[in-house]
Amino acid sequence: MALPAIATYPLPTEDELPANRVDWTVDPAHAVLLVHDLQHHFLRAFPAGEQPLTGMLANTARLLEASRRRGVPVVYSAQRGGQTAEERGLQLDFWGPGVADDPEALATPEAIAPEAGDTVLTKWKYSAFVRTELDALMRESGRDQLVIVGVYAHIGVLISACDAWMRDIRAFVVADAVADFSRDDHDMALRWAAGRCAVVTTTDTLLKEI
C-alpha cells in the first residue's frame, strides 16, 4: 500500500481541541522535542503550499527555535532508505518497501532541518522508541517529558505518545504542529491521545510554557 494522496484541510484551533484528562504543563528542564518523520518522502503526500502542510511546518519551526533557545534537546526520527525485507518486517505487508535510498526523499525541509547539537535517530517502527536510543537518551539526561510534532498524527505520532506513557514519560501532542491523512484521522488521534496517554496542546500554548 502506497501513501494516500492527502486533500487539503484546516488545522484544528484551540477551541476545537478535545478535553485533556490531565493538566500537565511543559517544563523546559524536563522536556525533549521530538520531530517525527518530517522527511520529504512523507510530506509529498500533502498539497504543496496549502494547509495542513504549511501550518504544521511553520509551527514546527517556531517550536524548534524556542526549544533550542531554552536548551530543550531536539530529537529527529527519520526512516532509512532502501530497507531490506528483514529490516522492514510487517511494515512491508502494510506499507510496501518504503522510501528509496534517495537523499532528497530522505531529507528534512531546510526550514526545519537538524542543526548542530540535535540528535537524529533512525526510525524503524511506528513508535520512535522501538529499536532506537530515545528512551536511554531521555533517562540519561533526566528528561521525562516528550513534545511531539510531525507526521502522521494517527500512526507514528500517536503510537510514540502511547509508548511514552507506558514508559512513564509525559507526552504532549501539538495539535497544530502535526498532520495526517485527513482531518478525521487527525481529530481521532487527538481525541485518543487526550483521553488515554497525553496532553493535546497548541503551539501558542507551548511557547508560553517554554
N, C-alpha and C. Protein backbone atom coordinates (compact mmCIF):
# COMPACT_ATOMS: atom_id res chain seq x y z
N MET A 1 0.84 -1.20 0.00
CA MET A 1 0.00 0.00 0.00
C MET A 1 0.87 1.25 0.00
N ALA A 2 0.66 2.13 -0.96
CA ALA A 2 1.39 3.39 -1.02
C ALA A 2 0.72 4.41 -0.12
N LEU A 3 1.43 5.49 0.16
CA LEU A 3 0.82 6.57 0.92
C LEU A 3 -0.32 7.19 0.11
N PRO A 4 -1.41 7.58 0.76
CA PRO A 4 -2.52 8.17 0.02
C PRO A 4 -2.22 9.59 -0.41
N ALA A 5 -2.94 10.05 -1.42
CA ALA A 5 -2.91 11.48 -1.75
C ALA A 5 -3.81 12.19 -0.75
N ILE A 6 -3.27 13.20 -0.09
CA ILE A 6 -3.99 13.86 1.00
C ILE A 6 -4.60 15.16 0.51
N ALA A 7 -5.90 15.33 0.79
CA ALA A 7 -6.58 16.58 0.43
C ALA A 7 -6.29 17.64 1.48
N THR A 8 -6.33 18.89 1.06
CA THR A 8 -6.11 19.98 2.00
C THR A 8 -7.20 19.99 3.07
N TYR A 9 -6.81 20.37 4.29
CA TYR A 9 -7.78 20.54 5.38
C TYR A 9 -7.19 21.51 6.39
N PRO A 10 -8.04 22.21 7.15
CA PRO A 10 -7.54 23.18 8.12
C PRO A 10 -7.05 22.48 9.38
N LEU A 11 -5.99 23.02 9.95
CA LEU A 11 -5.51 22.52 11.23
C LEU A 11 -6.50 22.89 12.33
N PRO A 12 -6.60 22.05 13.36
CA PRO A 12 -7.51 22.38 14.46
C PRO A 12 -7.06 23.62 15.22
N THR A 13 -8.03 24.35 15.72
CA THR A 13 -7.76 25.53 16.53
C THR A 13 -7.95 25.19 18.01
N GLU A 14 -7.54 26.11 18.85
CA GLU A 14 -7.60 25.89 20.30
C GLU A 14 -8.99 25.46 20.77
N ASP A 15 -10.03 26.11 20.24
CA ASP A 15 -11.39 25.82 20.70
C ASP A 15 -11.95 24.53 20.11
N GLU A 16 -11.20 23.87 19.24
CA GLU A 16 -11.63 22.60 18.66
C GLU A 16 -10.93 21.40 19.29
N LEU A 17 -10.05 21.62 20.25
CA LEU A 17 -9.29 20.52 20.82
C LEU A 17 -10.14 19.70 21.78
N PRO A 18 -9.86 18.40 21.89
CA PRO A 18 -10.56 17.57 22.87
C PRO A 18 -10.13 17.94 24.28
N ALA A 19 -10.98 17.60 25.23
CA ALA A 19 -10.66 17.85 26.64
C ALA A 19 -9.57 16.88 27.10
N ASN A 20 -8.55 17.41 27.75
CA ASN A 20 -7.50 16.57 28.30
C ASN A 20 -7.93 15.99 29.65
N ARG A 21 -7.50 14.76 29.92
CA ARG A 21 -7.79 14.14 31.21
C ARG A 21 -6.82 14.59 32.30
N VAL A 22 -5.66 15.10 31.89
CA VAL A 22 -4.64 15.53 32.85
C VAL A 22 -4.27 16.97 32.56
N ASP A 23 -3.62 17.60 33.54
CA ASP A 23 -3.30 19.03 33.40
C ASP A 23 -1.79 19.27 33.40
N TRP A 24 -1.04 18.36 32.79
CA TRP A 24 0.41 18.53 32.72
C TRP A 24 0.75 19.80 31.95
N THR A 25 1.88 20.40 32.32
CA THR A 25 2.45 21.51 31.57
C THR A 25 3.91 21.18 31.27
N VAL A 26 4.43 21.78 30.23
CA VAL A 26 5.80 21.51 29.81
C VAL A 26 6.78 22.31 30.65
N ASP A 27 7.81 21.63 31.11
CA ASP A 27 8.92 22.25 31.84
C ASP A 27 10.16 22.12 30.97
N PRO A 28 10.75 23.24 30.52
CA PRO A 28 11.93 23.14 29.64
C PRO A 28 13.07 22.31 30.22
N ALA A 29 13.16 22.24 31.54
CA ALA A 29 14.23 21.46 32.17
C ALA A 29 13.99 19.97 32.11
N HIS A 30 12.76 19.58 31.74
CA HIS A 30 12.42 18.15 31.72
C HIS A 30 12.02 17.65 30.33
N ALA A 31 11.92 18.55 29.36
CA ALA A 31 11.33 18.21 28.07
C ALA A 31 12.36 17.88 27.00
N VAL A 32 11.90 17.08 26.04
CA VAL A 32 12.59 16.82 24.78
C VAL A 32 11.58 17.07 23.67
N LEU A 33 12.01 17.72 22.59
CA LEU A 33 11.16 17.92 21.42
C LEU A 33 11.47 16.85 20.39
N LEU A 34 10.46 16.05 20.03
CA LEU A 34 10.60 15.01 19.01
C LEU A 34 10.00 15.51 17.70
N VAL A 35 10.81 15.63 16.68
CA VAL A 35 10.37 15.99 15.33
C VAL A 35 10.22 14.67 14.57
N HIS A 36 8.99 14.26 14.39
CA HIS A 36 8.67 12.89 13.99
C HIS A 36 8.49 12.75 12.47
N ASP A 37 9.46 12.12 11.82
CA ASP A 37 9.33 11.66 10.43
C ASP A 37 9.06 12.78 9.42
N LEU A 38 9.57 13.97 9.65
CA LEU A 38 9.33 15.05 8.70
C LEU A 38 10.35 15.01 7.57
N GLN A 39 10.20 13.99 6.74
CA GLN A 39 11.04 13.79 5.56
C GLN A 39 10.21 14.03 4.31
N HIS A 40 10.86 14.46 3.24
CA HIS A 40 10.14 14.77 2.01
C HIS A 40 9.29 13.59 1.53
N HIS A 41 9.76 12.38 1.72
CA HIS A 41 9.00 11.20 1.30
C HIS A 41 7.59 11.21 1.86
N PHE A 42 7.45 11.58 3.13
CA PHE A 42 6.14 11.59 3.78
C PHE A 42 5.37 12.88 3.49
N LEU A 43 6.08 13.97 3.29
CA LEU A 43 5.42 15.26 3.10
C LEU A 43 4.90 15.45 1.68
N ARG A 44 5.43 14.69 0.73
CA ARG A 44 4.97 14.83 -0.66
C ARG A 44 3.51 14.43 -0.84
N ALA A 45 2.95 13.69 0.11
CA ALA A 45 1.55 13.28 0.01
C ALA A 45 0.60 14.46 0.22
N PHE A 46 1.10 15.55 0.82
CA PHE A 46 0.26 16.72 1.10
C PHE A 46 0.30 17.70 -0.08
N PRO A 47 -0.78 18.45 -0.30
CA PRO A 47 -0.74 19.50 -1.33
C PRO A 47 0.30 20.56 -0.95
N ALA A 48 1.22 20.83 -1.84
CA ALA A 48 2.28 21.81 -1.56
C ALA A 48 1.68 23.20 -1.43
N GLY A 49 2.20 23.97 -0.46
CA GLY A 49 1.78 25.34 -0.29
C GLY A 49 0.40 25.52 0.31
N GLU A 50 -0.18 24.44 0.86
CA GLU A 50 -1.53 24.53 1.42
C GLU A 50 -1.54 23.90 2.81
N GLN A 51 -2.64 24.17 3.53
CA GLN A 51 -2.85 23.51 4.80
C GLN A 51 -3.22 22.04 4.56
N PRO A 52 -2.85 21.13 5.47
CA PRO A 52 -2.24 21.40 6.77
C PRO A 52 -0.72 21.53 6.73
N LEU A 53 -0.11 21.28 5.56
CA LEU A 53 1.34 21.24 5.49
C LEU A 53 1.98 22.57 5.89
N THR A 54 1.47 23.66 5.36
CA THR A 54 2.12 24.95 5.61
C THR A 54 2.08 25.31 7.09
N GLY A 55 0.92 25.14 7.72
CA GLY A 55 0.79 25.47 9.13
C GLY A 55 1.61 24.56 10.02
N MET A 56 1.59 23.27 9.71
CA MET A 56 2.35 22.31 10.50
C MET A 56 3.84 22.62 10.45
N LEU A 57 4.38 22.92 9.28
CA LEU A 57 5.80 23.23 9.16
C LEU A 57 6.14 24.55 9.84
N ALA A 58 5.29 25.55 9.68
CA ALA A 58 5.56 26.85 10.31
C ALA A 58 5.55 26.73 11.83
N ASN A 59 4.60 25.99 12.38
CA ASN A 59 4.54 25.83 13.83
C ASN A 59 5.69 24.99 14.35
N THR A 60 6.09 24.00 13.58
CA THR A 60 7.27 23.21 13.96
C THR A 60 8.50 24.09 14.02
N ALA A 61 8.66 24.98 13.04
CA ALA A 61 9.82 25.88 13.04
C ALA A 61 9.81 26.79 14.27
N ARG A 62 8.64 27.28 14.67
CA ARG A 62 8.54 28.12 15.86
C ARG A 62 8.94 27.36 17.12
N LEU A 63 8.50 26.12 17.22
CA LEU A 63 8.84 25.31 18.39
C LEU A 63 10.31 24.93 18.40
N LEU A 64 10.88 24.69 17.24
CA LEU A 64 12.31 24.40 17.17
C LEU A 64 13.13 25.59 17.66
N GLU A 65 12.78 26.77 17.20
CA GLU A 65 13.53 27.97 17.61
C GLU A 65 13.45 28.17 19.11
N ALA A 66 12.26 28.04 19.67
CA ALA A 66 12.08 28.25 21.11
C ALA A 66 12.78 27.16 21.92
N SER A 67 12.71 25.93 21.46
CA SER A 67 13.33 24.82 22.19
C SER A 67 14.85 24.98 22.22
N ARG A 68 15.44 25.29 21.09
CA ARG A 68 16.89 25.45 21.05
C ARG A 68 17.33 26.63 21.92
N ARG A 69 16.55 27.68 21.90
CA ARG A 69 16.89 28.86 22.70
C ARG A 69 16.83 28.58 24.19
N ARG A 70 15.89 27.72 24.60
CA ARG A 70 15.72 27.42 26.01
C ARG A 70 16.47 26.17 26.46
N GLY A 71 17.26 25.56 25.57
CA GLY A 71 18.05 24.40 25.96
C GLY A 71 17.28 23.10 26.00
N VAL A 72 16.12 23.05 25.34
CA VAL A 72 15.36 21.80 25.25
C VAL A 72 15.98 20.94 24.15
N PRO A 73 16.43 19.73 24.46
CA PRO A 73 17.02 18.88 23.42
C PRO A 73 16.04 18.60 22.28
N VAL A 74 16.56 18.60 21.07
CA VAL A 74 15.74 18.32 19.89
C VAL A 74 16.18 16.99 19.30
N VAL A 75 15.22 16.10 19.10
CA VAL A 75 15.48 14.78 18.55
C VAL A 75 14.62 14.60 17.29
N TYR A 76 15.25 14.17 16.22
CA TYR A 76 14.53 13.87 14.98
C TYR A 76 14.45 12.36 14.81
N SER A 77 13.29 11.87 14.40
CA SER A 77 13.20 10.49 13.93
C SER A 77 13.16 10.52 12.40
N ALA A 78 13.90 9.62 11.77
CA ALA A 78 13.97 9.61 10.32
C ALA A 78 14.13 8.17 9.84
N GLN A 79 13.26 7.77 8.94
CA GLN A 79 13.38 6.43 8.39
C GLN A 79 14.54 6.34 7.42
N ARG A 80 15.14 5.18 7.36
CA ARG A 80 16.27 4.93 6.46
C ARG A 80 15.76 4.46 5.12
N GLY A 81 16.43 4.86 4.07
CA GLY A 81 16.04 4.43 2.74
C GLY A 81 16.57 3.05 2.39
N GLY A 82 15.91 2.42 1.44
CA GLY A 82 16.38 1.14 0.93
C GLY A 82 16.40 0.03 1.95
N GLN A 83 15.42 -0.02 2.83
CA GLN A 83 15.39 -1.06 3.86
C GLN A 83 15.19 -2.44 3.23
N THR A 84 15.84 -3.42 3.83
CA THR A 84 15.63 -4.80 3.40
C THR A 84 14.30 -5.31 3.93
N ALA A 85 13.83 -6.43 3.37
CA ALA A 85 12.58 -7.02 3.85
C ALA A 85 12.68 -7.39 5.32
N GLU A 86 13.84 -7.85 5.75
CA GLU A 86 14.03 -8.20 7.15
C GLU A 86 13.96 -6.96 8.04
N GLU A 87 14.59 -5.89 7.63
CA GLU A 87 14.53 -4.64 8.40
C GLU A 87 13.13 -4.07 8.42
N ARG A 88 12.43 -4.21 7.34
CA ARG A 88 11.09 -3.65 7.20
C ARG A 88 10.08 -4.41 8.05
N GLY A 89 10.21 -5.71 8.13
CA GLY A 89 9.29 -6.50 8.93
C GLY A 89 7.86 -6.38 8.43
N LEU A 90 6.91 -6.28 9.36
CA LEU A 90 5.49 -6.24 8.98
C LEU A 90 5.10 -4.94 8.32
N GLN A 91 5.95 -3.93 8.40
CA GLN A 91 5.65 -2.71 7.64
C GLN A 91 5.60 -2.99 6.15
N LEU A 92 6.34 -4.01 5.71
CA LEU A 92 6.33 -4.38 4.30
C LEU A 92 4.93 -4.82 3.87
N ASP A 93 4.25 -5.58 4.75
CA ASP A 93 2.90 -6.05 4.42
C ASP A 93 1.90 -4.90 4.35
N PHE A 94 2.05 -3.91 5.24
CA PHE A 94 1.08 -2.82 5.31
C PHE A 94 1.39 -1.67 4.38
N TRP A 95 2.69 -1.36 4.20
CA TRP A 95 3.07 -0.13 3.52
C TRP A 95 4.03 -0.33 2.35
N GLY A 96 4.37 -1.58 2.04
CA GLY A 96 5.27 -1.82 0.95
C GLY A 96 6.73 -1.58 1.33
N PRO A 97 7.60 -1.42 0.34
CA PRO A 97 9.04 -1.36 0.62
C PRO A 97 9.52 -0.07 1.27
N GLY A 98 8.68 0.95 1.34
CA GLY A 98 9.10 2.19 1.99
C GLY A 98 9.90 3.10 1.09
N VAL A 99 10.55 4.06 1.70
CA VAL A 99 11.27 5.09 0.96
C VAL A 99 12.53 4.50 0.31
N ALA A 100 12.80 4.95 -0.91
CA ALA A 100 14.00 4.51 -1.61
C ALA A 100 15.24 5.15 -0.99
N ASP A 101 16.38 4.63 -1.35
CA ASP A 101 17.65 5.20 -0.87
C ASP A 101 17.97 6.43 -1.71
N ASP A 102 17.19 7.47 -1.48
CA ASP A 102 17.23 8.70 -2.27
C ASP A 102 17.46 9.87 -1.31
N PRO A 103 18.62 10.51 -1.35
CA PRO A 103 18.93 11.57 -0.38
C PRO A 103 17.89 12.68 -0.33
N GLU A 104 17.30 13.05 -1.46
CA GLU A 104 16.32 14.12 -1.47
C GLU A 104 15.04 13.69 -0.76
N ALA A 105 14.59 12.47 -1.03
CA ALA A 105 13.38 11.97 -0.39
C ALA A 105 13.57 11.79 1.10
N LEU A 106 14.78 11.45 1.53
CA LEU A 106 15.06 11.20 2.93
C LEU A 106 15.30 12.48 3.73
N ALA A 107 15.55 13.58 3.03
CA ALA A 107 15.91 14.83 3.70
C ALA A 107 14.71 15.48 4.39
N THR A 108 15.02 16.32 5.36
CA THR A 108 14.04 17.15 6.05
C THR A 108 14.03 18.52 5.39
N PRO A 109 12.86 19.17 5.24
CA PRO A 109 12.84 20.51 4.66
C PRO A 109 13.83 21.45 5.36
N GLU A 110 14.47 22.28 4.58
CA GLU A 110 15.56 23.11 5.09
C GLU A 110 15.13 23.98 6.28
N ALA A 111 13.92 24.50 6.26
CA ALA A 111 13.48 25.42 7.31
C ALA A 111 13.36 24.76 8.67
N ILE A 112 13.26 23.42 8.68
CA ILE A 112 13.12 22.71 9.96
C ILE A 112 14.18 21.61 10.08
N ALA A 113 15.26 21.73 9.35
CA ALA A 113 16.28 20.68 9.32
C ALA A 113 17.06 20.63 10.63
N PRO A 114 17.66 19.47 10.94
CA PRO A 114 18.50 19.36 12.14
C PRO A 114 19.67 20.34 12.09
N GLU A 115 20.04 20.81 13.27
CA GLU A 115 21.19 21.69 13.42
C GLU A 115 22.21 21.04 14.34
N ALA A 116 23.39 21.63 14.42
CA ALA A 116 24.43 21.11 15.31
C ALA A 116 23.88 21.03 16.72
N GLY A 117 24.11 19.90 17.37
CA GLY A 117 23.61 19.68 18.71
C GLY A 117 22.33 18.89 18.77
N ASP A 118 21.59 18.81 17.64
CA ASP A 118 20.39 17.99 17.60
C ASP A 118 20.77 16.52 17.44
N THR A 119 19.84 15.63 17.75
CA THR A 119 20.04 14.19 17.61
C THR A 119 19.12 13.66 16.53
N VAL A 120 19.64 12.82 15.64
CA VAL A 120 18.83 12.18 14.61
C VAL A 120 18.86 10.67 14.85
N LEU A 121 17.68 10.10 15.06
CA LEU A 121 17.54 8.67 15.32
C LEU A 121 16.98 7.97 14.08
N THR A 122 17.51 6.81 13.76
CA THR A 122 16.94 6.01 12.69
C THR A 122 15.66 5.36 13.19
N LYS A 123 14.58 5.57 12.47
CA LYS A 123 13.24 5.12 12.88
C LYS A 123 12.90 3.83 12.16
N TRP A 124 12.43 2.83 12.92
CA TRP A 124 12.15 1.52 12.34
C TRP A 124 10.68 1.12 12.38
N LYS A 125 9.97 1.53 13.42
CA LYS A 125 8.58 1.11 13.61
C LYS A 125 7.72 2.33 13.89
N TYR A 126 6.43 2.13 14.11
CA TYR A 126 5.54 3.25 14.40
C TYR A 126 6.05 4.08 15.57
N SER A 127 6.45 3.42 16.65
CA SER A 127 6.94 4.14 17.82
C SER A 127 8.38 4.58 17.63
N ALA A 128 8.66 5.82 17.98
CA ALA A 128 10.02 6.34 17.90
C ALA A 128 10.93 5.73 18.96
N PHE A 129 10.38 4.97 19.89
CA PHE A 129 11.19 4.33 20.93
C PHE A 129 11.73 2.96 20.50
N VAL A 130 11.09 2.32 19.55
CA VAL A 130 11.42 0.93 19.21
C VAL A 130 12.72 0.86 18.40
N ARG A 131 13.67 0.12 18.91
CA ARG A 131 14.97 -0.09 18.27
C ARG A 131 15.75 1.22 18.09
N THR A 132 15.49 2.21 18.97
CA THR A 132 16.25 3.46 18.93
C THR A 132 16.81 3.75 20.32
N GLU A 133 17.56 4.84 20.43
CA GLU A 133 18.18 5.23 21.69
C GLU A 133 17.35 6.29 22.42
N LEU A 134 16.10 6.52 21.99
CA LEU A 134 15.32 7.62 22.56
C LEU A 134 15.10 7.46 24.06
N ASP A 135 14.71 6.29 24.49
CA ASP A 135 14.46 6.07 25.92
C ASP A 135 15.73 6.30 26.73
N ALA A 136 16.83 5.72 26.28
CA ALA A 136 18.10 5.88 27.01
C ALA A 136 18.55 7.33 27.01
N LEU A 137 18.39 8.01 25.89
CA LEU A 137 18.78 9.42 25.80
C LEU A 137 18.02 10.25 26.83
N MET A 138 16.72 10.00 26.94
CA MET A 138 15.90 10.78 27.86
C MET A 138 16.26 10.48 29.31
N ARG A 139 16.43 9.22 29.63
CA ARG A 139 16.71 8.85 31.02
C ARG A 139 18.10 9.32 31.45
N GLU A 140 19.07 9.22 30.56
CA GLU A 140 20.43 9.64 30.90
C GLU A 140 20.52 11.15 31.11
N SER A 141 19.62 11.90 30.47
CA SER A 141 19.63 13.35 30.63
C SER A 141 18.59 13.84 31.64
N GLY A 142 17.93 12.90 32.32
CA GLY A 142 16.96 13.27 33.33
C GLY A 142 15.70 13.92 32.78
N ARG A 143 15.33 13.57 31.56
CA ARG A 143 14.17 14.17 30.90
C ARG A 143 13.00 13.18 30.93
N ASP A 144 11.82 13.66 31.30
CA ASP A 144 10.65 12.78 31.39
C ASP A 144 9.41 13.39 30.74
N GLN A 145 9.62 14.32 29.80
CA GLN A 145 8.52 14.89 29.02
C GLN A 145 8.91 14.87 27.54
N LEU A 146 7.96 14.49 26.69
CA LEU A 146 8.22 14.40 25.26
C LEU A 146 7.17 15.19 24.50
N VAL A 147 7.61 16.26 23.84
CA VAL A 147 6.74 17.08 22.99
C VAL A 147 6.87 16.56 21.56
N ILE A 148 5.73 16.23 20.93
CA ILE A 148 5.78 15.55 19.63
C ILE A 148 5.14 16.42 18.56
N VAL A 149 5.89 16.62 17.47
CA VAL A 149 5.39 17.28 16.27
C VAL A 149 5.71 16.37 15.08
N GLY A 150 4.98 16.55 13.97
CA GLY A 150 5.33 15.80 12.78
C GLY A 150 4.18 15.01 12.18
N VAL A 151 4.50 13.96 11.46
CA VAL A 151 3.51 13.12 10.77
C VAL A 151 3.77 11.63 11.08
N TYR A 152 2.76 10.83 10.89
CA TYR A 152 1.35 11.15 10.72
C TYR A 152 0.67 11.02 12.09
N ALA A 153 -0.30 11.91 12.37
CA ALA A 153 -0.84 12.01 13.72
C ALA A 153 -1.41 10.70 14.23
N HIS A 154 -2.17 9.97 13.39
CA HIS A 154 -2.85 8.77 13.90
C HIS A 154 -1.99 7.52 13.82
N ILE A 155 -0.75 7.66 13.32
CA ILE A 155 0.12 6.49 13.24
C ILE A 155 1.31 6.72 14.18
N GLY A 156 2.44 7.15 13.66
CA GLY A 156 3.64 7.23 14.48
C GLY A 156 3.57 8.23 15.61
N VAL A 157 2.91 9.36 15.40
CA VAL A 157 2.80 10.36 16.47
C VAL A 157 2.02 9.78 17.64
N LEU A 158 0.85 9.21 17.36
CA LEU A 158 0.01 8.66 18.42
C LEU A 158 0.67 7.47 19.10
N ILE A 159 1.26 6.58 18.33
CA ILE A 159 1.88 5.39 18.93
C ILE A 159 3.10 5.77 19.75
N SER A 160 3.86 6.75 19.31
CA SER A 160 5.00 7.22 20.11
C SER A 160 4.53 7.83 21.42
N ALA A 161 3.43 8.59 21.38
CA ALA A 161 2.88 9.17 22.60
C ALA A 161 2.41 8.08 23.55
N CYS A 162 1.76 7.07 23.02
CA CYS A 162 1.30 5.96 23.85
C CYS A 162 2.48 5.19 24.43
N ASP A 163 3.50 4.96 23.64
CA ASP A 163 4.69 4.27 24.12
C ASP A 163 5.38 5.08 25.22
N ALA A 164 5.40 6.40 25.07
CA ALA A 164 5.96 7.25 26.12
C ALA A 164 5.20 7.05 27.43
N TRP A 165 3.87 7.05 27.36
CA TRP A 165 3.04 6.83 28.54
C TRP A 165 3.40 5.51 29.24
N MET A 166 3.62 4.48 28.45
CA MET A 166 3.93 3.16 29.02
C MET A 166 5.31 3.13 29.67
N ARG A 167 6.12 4.14 29.37
CA ARG A 167 7.45 4.27 29.98
C ARG A 167 7.46 5.35 31.06
N ASP A 168 6.29 5.82 31.47
CA ASP A 168 6.15 6.90 32.46
C ASP A 168 6.83 8.18 32.02
N ILE A 169 6.75 8.45 30.73
CA ILE A 169 7.20 9.71 30.14
C ILE A 169 5.96 10.49 29.72
N ARG A 170 5.82 11.72 30.20
CA ARG A 170 4.66 12.53 29.86
C ARG A 170 4.78 13.03 28.42
N ALA A 171 3.77 12.74 27.62
CA ALA A 171 3.78 13.14 26.21
C ALA A 171 2.84 14.32 25.97
N PHE A 172 3.25 15.19 25.05
CA PHE A 172 2.46 16.35 24.64
C PHE A 172 2.37 16.32 23.12
N VAL A 173 1.16 16.18 22.59
CA VAL A 173 0.95 16.17 21.14
C VAL A 173 0.49 17.56 20.73
N VAL A 174 1.24 18.18 19.83
CA VAL A 174 0.95 19.56 19.43
C VAL A 174 -0.01 19.53 18.25
N ALA A 175 -1.27 19.85 18.52
CA ALA A 175 -2.36 19.63 17.56
C ALA A 175 -2.15 20.36 16.24
N ASP A 176 -1.56 21.56 16.27
CA ASP A 176 -1.36 22.33 15.04
C ASP A 176 0.07 22.25 14.52
N ALA A 177 0.84 21.30 15.04
CA ALA A 177 2.18 21.02 14.51
C ALA A 177 2.32 19.54 14.16
N VAL A 178 1.17 18.87 13.99
CA VAL A 178 1.14 17.53 13.43
C VAL A 178 0.16 17.56 12.25
N ALA A 179 0.26 16.57 11.37
CA ALA A 179 -0.65 16.48 10.23
C ALA A 179 -0.93 15.01 9.94
N ASP A 180 -1.97 14.78 9.12
CA ASP A 180 -2.44 13.41 8.96
C ASP A 180 -3.04 13.18 7.58
N PHE A 181 -3.55 11.97 7.36
CA PHE A 181 -4.15 11.63 6.07
C PHE A 181 -5.41 12.44 5.80
N SER A 182 -6.13 12.81 6.86
CA SER A 182 -7.36 13.57 6.73
C SER A 182 -7.65 14.27 8.05
N ARG A 183 -8.58 15.22 8.03
CA ARG A 183 -8.97 15.88 9.28
C ARG A 183 -9.63 14.87 10.22
N ASP A 184 -10.38 13.90 9.68
CA ASP A 184 -10.98 12.88 10.54
C ASP A 184 -9.92 12.07 11.27
N ASP A 185 -8.88 11.65 10.55
CA ASP A 185 -7.78 10.90 11.18
C ASP A 185 -7.07 11.78 12.22
N HIS A 186 -6.85 13.03 11.87
CA HIS A 186 -6.19 13.98 12.76
C HIS A 186 -6.98 14.12 14.06
N ASP A 187 -8.27 14.36 13.93
CA ASP A 187 -9.11 14.55 15.12
C ASP A 187 -9.19 13.28 15.95
N MET A 188 -9.28 12.14 15.31
CA MET A 188 -9.32 10.87 16.05
C MET A 188 -8.05 10.69 16.88
N ALA A 189 -6.90 10.99 16.29
CA ALA A 189 -5.64 10.86 17.02
C ALA A 189 -5.60 11.77 18.23
N LEU A 190 -6.08 13.00 18.06
CA LEU A 190 -6.08 13.94 19.18
C LEU A 190 -7.02 13.48 20.29
N ARG A 191 -8.22 13.01 19.92
CA ARG A 191 -9.16 12.52 20.94
C ARG A 191 -8.58 11.35 21.72
N TRP A 192 -7.99 10.42 21.00
CA TRP A 192 -7.44 9.22 21.67
C TRP A 192 -6.28 9.62 22.58
N ALA A 193 -5.41 10.46 22.10
CA ALA A 193 -4.27 10.87 22.91
C ALA A 193 -4.73 11.60 24.16
N ALA A 194 -5.65 12.55 24.01
CA ALA A 194 -6.11 13.34 25.15
C ALA A 194 -6.81 12.48 26.19
N GLY A 195 -7.46 11.44 25.74
CA GLY A 195 -8.21 10.61 26.67
C GLY A 195 -7.45 9.44 27.25
N ARG A 196 -6.28 9.11 26.68
CA ARG A 196 -5.63 7.87 27.07
C ARG A 196 -4.16 8.00 27.47
N CYS A 197 -3.42 8.99 26.91
CA CYS A 197 -1.98 8.89 27.14
C CYS A 197 -1.20 10.19 27.12
N ALA A 198 -1.82 11.32 26.78
CA ALA A 198 -1.03 12.54 26.54
C ALA A 198 -1.85 13.78 26.82
N VAL A 199 -1.18 14.91 26.78
CA VAL A 199 -1.84 16.21 26.73
C VAL A 199 -1.82 16.68 25.28
N VAL A 200 -2.98 17.09 24.80
CA VAL A 200 -3.09 17.69 23.47
C VAL A 200 -3.08 19.20 23.64
N THR A 201 -2.19 19.86 22.94
CA THR A 201 -1.99 21.29 23.15
C THR A 201 -1.76 21.98 21.81
N THR A 202 -1.45 23.26 21.84
CA THR A 202 -1.19 24.03 20.63
C THR A 202 0.20 24.66 20.70
N THR A 203 0.66 25.10 19.57
CA THR A 203 1.97 25.77 19.50
C THR A 203 1.99 27.01 20.39
N ASP A 204 0.97 27.84 20.31
CA ASP A 204 0.95 29.07 21.11
C ASP A 204 1.00 28.77 22.61
N THR A 205 0.26 27.78 23.04
CA THR A 205 0.27 27.41 24.46
C THR A 205 1.65 26.93 24.88
N LEU A 206 2.27 26.10 24.07
CA LEU A 206 3.60 25.59 24.41
C LEU A 206 4.64 26.70 24.44
N LEU A 207 4.54 27.63 23.53
CA LEU A 207 5.52 28.72 23.51
C LEU A 207 5.46 29.54 24.80
N LYS A 208 4.27 29.66 25.38
CA LYS A 208 4.15 30.34 26.65
C LYS A 208 4.80 29.54 27.78
N GLU A 209 4.74 28.21 27.66
CA GLU A 209 5.28 27.35 28.72
C GLU A 209 6.80 27.22 28.64
N ILE A 210 7.34 27.25 27.43
CA ILE A 210 8.80 27.06 27.31
C ILE A 210 9.53 28.35 26.99
